[in-house]
Amino acid sequence: MIGASQGRLQDRRPVSIIDIGSNSIRLVIYEGIARSPTVLFNEKMLAGLGRGIVSTGRLDPDAMLRAMEEFRRFRALSEQAGAEQLYVIATAAAREAVNGPEFIERAEGILGVDIRVLTGKEEAYYSALGVISGFHPADGIAGDLGGGSLEVVDVKGEEIGGGITLPLGGLRLDDMSKGSIEAATKIIRNELKRAEVLKSGEGRTFYCVGGTWRNLARLHMAATNYPLAVMHHYEMSVEGSANFLKQVARGEIEKMKGIERVSKSRRALLAYGAVVLQEIIRVMKPGRIVVSALGVREGFLYSLLSPNDQRTDPLISASEELALLRARSVTHAHELAEWTGHSFAAFGIDETEDEARYRRAACLLADIGWRAHPEYRGVQSLNIIAHASFIGVDHPGRVFIALTNLYRHEGLIDDGAAPEIIQLAPPRYVERARFLGAMLRVVYLLSASMPGIIPRLRWEKGEDGSLTLVVPKSHADLIGERPMGRLAQLARITNKSLRMVADG
């Protein structure tokens, strides 16, 4: 592709999705159809198509006019970005309104493609797929709160269980309750009686999907001074969020910290989102509340993948892509991932499945900061990783990966470069990040950041419990003062006797 930036993956072809919701209409242009999709361009308009639909049975006429103009822009943007495919999906308002078919026909004329108007069952299905695609693995109840409806569905691994669509979207609740939170609460309680699926979620995770709940989470982050502004996999404790939800449900939001980051058109729906979440917690009794940044759009994109690609680990996939784009050698990164696994075993360090995944990701990302000034490589790498749009990783795991890269560049520092986010990782993760970072500091001095030598390095265990790092005789000249000094650092933090010799 002429003029293509090397910051893009060259085997990807852009694809666009327009999501026509009851409150917002959004265009997302993705770099390509991938397990961990990257957004090239993202724009939305808060049209409010579903405003007043309960009273009139029709889409809001002014919103329809504004939407048609935006569709022209969205199509032009999609073409400008070189998208080879444009998908358009529509949800509750378009499928329920009397004038929905007319609206869809006009929109199809402008966009030049057929619009898929999702049934309630399909909307729940794609929302569940979005959660399944974003968590490793998902296990709980996914709840997608839009302007017109709420979809709740059981998800476990790659399996989608029972679900239901309820008329509990924020715009609809505002219309049905005539703006009364008390009336809305009664409506919500009555409707949730039909959601038998919630009873299967006791003690499990409730996944919050949708813009209203994301904005609630954003406010909760501000209220608790949470140090990592990453929405996906943000967790709110059931007990710890109770008073916060009460405050929002009462409409006491204008003086809340962080409210300026919520658009005024969204603020009116926050109270309804808080009440819906309160009532779900009352009925379901979840063990925790977790925010998903992925929903119907991402679920639809996930459905376009082959079964083999769907089973790919999204964190490892994204880490490989970033290594390909930023590291000096992606092959070297893969060698690190394999070799450190053997090294952990040699040192007698056990790993859970997630810990092994996080270690592998940390190795794949260990060289993404090499173009930065040497004094800032560690901090830059930490910031890139901590705030990257990764999925399939919780916040403690994200911090482990980021800290590993900080230590790999900066040495075994006193954590002054990460005083806030380090609190999000358990001590076990911090200790392992220091160990892995120290190990990477040794082998980078032996490999010159290039592939070929790392697979030939091996650990030999002595009868006294000591470990010897054996370098091939053909590469004996790589041994020197600096790598020996780094090995001594590794020995100090592991409390082991370590040495380095050439084979033979």
Foldseek 3Di string as FASTA:
>chain_A
DPPDDLLADPVAAKEWEWEAEQFKIKIWIWSHLALQTDTPDIDMDGLNQNACCVPVLAGDPSSLVVVLVVLLVSLVVCVVVRHPYYAYEYEDRLVRGPCSVVSQVSSCVNNVDHYHYDDLVLQLQLQLLQQCSFAPHAAAWEWAAAQFWIKIWGDDNPDTHDIDIGRQHLSSLCNVQVNDLVSSLVVLLVRCVPTPVLQVGAAAEYEYHYDLVLVLVQLVCQQVVAPFPAQAFDWDFPVNCVVVLVCLLVVVPPPGGPCVVPDPVSSSRNNSVSSNVVSSCVNNVYRIYTYHHTGNVSSVSLVPDDPVSSPDQQLLVVLLSLLSSAAPDLQLLQLLLVLVVQVCVLLVHDDDPLRSVLLSSLSSLLGRQVVDDLVCSLLVSLVCQSHPSGGNDHNQSSNLSSLLSNCLRPNPDPCPSPVRSVVVHPPVSNLVSNLNSLVNNLVCLLQVSDDDFSVVWDWDADPVRAIETEGEQVSQVSDDDRSQVSVVVSCVSSVHHYYYDYDD
